[in-house]
C-alpha atoms as a PDB file:
ATOM      1  CA  MET A   1      82.354 -89.768  32.833  1.00  0.00           C
ATOM      2  CA  PRO A   2      80.062 -87.076  31.406  1.00  0.00           C
ATOM      3  CA  PRO A   3      79.961 -86.558  27.647  1.00  0.00           C
ATOM      4  CA  GLN A   4      82.381 -83.891  26.468  1.00  0.00           C
ATOM      5  CA  GLY A   5      80.492 -82.761  23.396  1.00  0.00           C
ATOM      6  CA  LEU A   6      78.034 -83.664  20.686  1.00  0.00           C
ATOM      7  CA  ARG A   7      80.105 -86.581  19.388  1.00  0.00           C
ATOM      8  CA  ASP A   8      80.253 -88.177  22.858  1.00  0.00           C
ATOM      9  CA  SER A   9      76.532 -87.570  23.421  1.00  0.00           C
ATOM     10  CA  LEU A  10      75.606 -89.208  20.118  1.00  0.00           C
ATOM     11  CA  ALA A  11      77.938 -92.149  20.795  1.00  0.00           C
ATOM     12  CA  LEU A  12      76.291 -92.715  24.195  1.00  0.00           C
ATOM     13  CA  LEU A  13      72.850 -92.363  22.643  1.00  0.00           C
ATOM     14  CA  ALA A  14      73.655 -95.093  20.106  1.00  0.00           C
ATOM     15  CA  CYS A  15      74.358 -97.494  22.997  1.00  0.00           C
ATOM     16  CA  CYS A  16      70.976 -96.976  24.666  1.00  0.00           C
ATOM     17  CA  ASP A  17      68.396 -99.751  24.934  1.00  0.00           C
ATOM     18  CA  LEU A  18      65.853 -97.037  25.730  1.00  0.00           C
ATOM     19  CA  PHE A  19      66.226 -93.258  25.854  1.00  0.00           C
ATOM     20  CA  ILE A  20      63.744 -91.120  27.788  1.00  0.00           C
ATOM     21  CA  ALA A  21      63.791 -87.362  27.291  1.00  0.00           C
ATOM     22  CA  GLY A  22      61.746 -84.241  26.933  1.00  0.00           C
ATOM     23  CA  ASN A  23      61.328 -82.376  23.657  1.00  0.00           C
ATOM     24  CA  THR A  24      65.070 -81.893  23.168  1.00  0.00           C
ATOM     25  CA  GLU A  25      67.621 -82.125  20.402  1.00  0.00           C
ATOM     26  CA  LEU A  26      68.785 -85.499  21.753  1.00  0.00           C
ATOM     27  CA  PHE A  27      65.219 -86.831  21.685  1.00  0.00           C
ATOM     28  CA  HIS A  28      64.977 -85.983  17.989  1.00  0.00           C
ATOM     29  CA  ALA A  29      68.473 -87.361  17.311  1.00  0.00           C
ATOM     30  CA  ALA A  30      67.395 -90.637  18.952  1.00  0.00           C
ATOM     31  CA  VAL A  31      64.306 -90.786  16.720  1.00  0.00           C
ATOM     32  CA  MET A  32      66.427 -90.259  13.616  1.00  0.00           C
ATOM     33  CA  ALA A  33      68.963 -92.881  14.755  1.00  0.00           C
ATOM     34  CA  ASP A  34      66.129 -95.389  15.414  1.00  0.00           C
ATOM     35  CA  VAL A  35      67.069 -95.654  19.101  1.00  0.00           C
ATOM     36  CA  PRO A  36      64.051 -96.758  21.166  1.00  0.00           C
ATOM     37  CA  VAL A  37      62.866 -93.459  22.670  1.00  0.00           C
ATOM     38  CA  LEU A  38      60.068 -92.209  24.892  1.00  0.00           C
ATOM     39  CA  GLY A  39      59.388 -88.477  24.803  1.00  0.00           C
ATOM     40  CA  LEU A  40      57.820 -86.847  27.835  1.00  0.00           C
ATOM     41  CA  PHE A  41      56.153 -83.729  26.488  1.00  0.00           C
ATOM     42  CA  THR A  42      53.715 -81.167  27.890  1.00  0.00           C
ATOM     43  CA  ASP A  43      50.833 -79.315  26.272  1.00  0.00           C
ATOM     44  CA  ALA A  44      53.286 -76.475  25.604  1.00  0.00           C
ATOM     45  CA  ASP A  45      55.102 -78.770  23.127  1.00  0.00           C
ATOM     46  CA  GLY A  46      53.189 -78.521  19.875  1.00  0.00           C
ATOM     47  CA  ARG A  47      52.003 -81.666  18.098  1.00  0.00           C
ATOM     48  CA  ARG A  48      54.293 -80.812  15.185  1.00  0.00           C
ATOM     49  CA  TRP A  49      57.262 -81.987  17.289  1.00  0.00           C
ATOM     50  CA  GLU A  50      55.910 -85.524  17.649  1.00  0.00           C
ATOM     51  CA  PRO A  51      57.598 -88.081  15.393  1.00  0.00           C
ATOM     52  CA  GLU A  52      55.309 -89.794  12.901  1.00  0.00           C
ATOM     53  CA  GLY A  53      55.708 -93.267  11.456  1.00  0.00           C
ATOM     54  CA  ARG A  54      58.370 -94.338  13.966  1.00  0.00           C
ATOM     55  CA  SER A  55      57.401 -97.525  15.792  1.00  0.00           C
ATOM     56  CA  ARG A  56      60.368 -97.244  18.168  1.00  0.00           C
ATOM     57  CA  ALA A  57      59.392 -93.747  19.313  1.00  0.00           C
ATOM     58  CA  ALA A  58      56.451 -92.601  21.411  1.00  0.00           C
ATOM     59  CA  VAL A  59      55.374 -89.427  23.144  1.00  0.00           C
ATOM     60  CA  LEU A  60      53.428 -89.146  26.364  1.00  0.00           C
ATOM     61  CA  ARG A  61      52.003 -85.799  27.395  1.00  0.00           C
ATOM     62  CA  GLY A  62      51.866 -84.772  31.015  1.00  0.00           C
ATOM     63  CA  ARG A  63      50.737 -81.757  32.946  1.00  0.00           C
ATOM     64  CA  SER A  64      53.066 -79.662  35.010  1.00  0.00           C
ATOM     65  CA  GLY A  65      52.982 -80.732  38.659  1.00  0.00           C
ATOM     66  CA  GLU A  66      51.138 -84.008  37.977  1.00  0.00           C
ATOM     67  CA  ARG A  67      52.632 -87.474  38.072  1.00  0.00           C
ATOM     68  CA  MET A  68      52.660 -89.539  34.915  1.00  0.00           C
ATOM     69  CA  PRO A  69      50.632 -92.748  35.478  1.00  0.00           C
ATOM     70  CA  LEU A  70      53.155 -95.596  35.662  1.00  0.00           C
ATOM     71  CA  PRO A  71      50.918 -98.107  33.808  1.00  0.00           C
ATOM     72  CA  GLU A  72      50.808 -95.656  30.888  1.00  0.00           C
ATOM     73  CA  VAL A  73      54.603 -95.289  30.931  1.00  0.00           C
ATOM     74  CA  ASP A  74      55.078 -99.071  31.208  1.00  0.00           C
ATOM     75  CA  ALA A  75      52.735 -99.704  28.264  1.00  0.00           C
ATOM     76  CA  ALA A  76      54.528 -97.140  26.093  1.00  0.00           C
ATOM     77  CA  VAL A  77      57.934 -98.605  26.965  1.00  0.00           C
ATOM     78  CA  ALA A  78      56.702-102.135  26.171  1.00  0.00           C
ATOM     79  CA  ARG A  79      55.399-100.981  22.739  1.00  0.00           C
ATOM     80  CA  ILE A  80      58.652 -99.215  21.934  1.00  0.00           C
ATOM     81  CA  ARG A  81      60.900-102.049  23.076  1.00  0.00           C
ATOM     82  CA  SER A  82      58.929-104.700  21.172  1.00  0.00           C
ATOM     83  CA  ALA A  83      58.985-102.828  17.860  1.00  0.00           C
ATOM     84  CA  PRO A  84      61.496-104.097  15.303  1.00  0.00           C
ATOM     85  CA  PRO A  85      64.251-101.755  14.102  1.00  0.00           C
ATOM     86  CA  ALA A  86      63.477 -99.736  10.993  1.00  0.00           C
END
């Protein structure tokens, strides 16, 4: 059942063990809610959008048309998942 609005989206987000997203509003909501989150950004996303001081959030930068190296993704996910809640 797809979320019907912001309230549903935030409720689903709070249930996530890991949330993976681009530079979106839900990515930043996950950071603020201390949900483990991996952001997949590009060079077009300025560094100012990267969360600082959040051990359960990480950003990987890719290039359009190129695959993200899986070992890099796995390592980022492991770091995020092993970090204690804030």
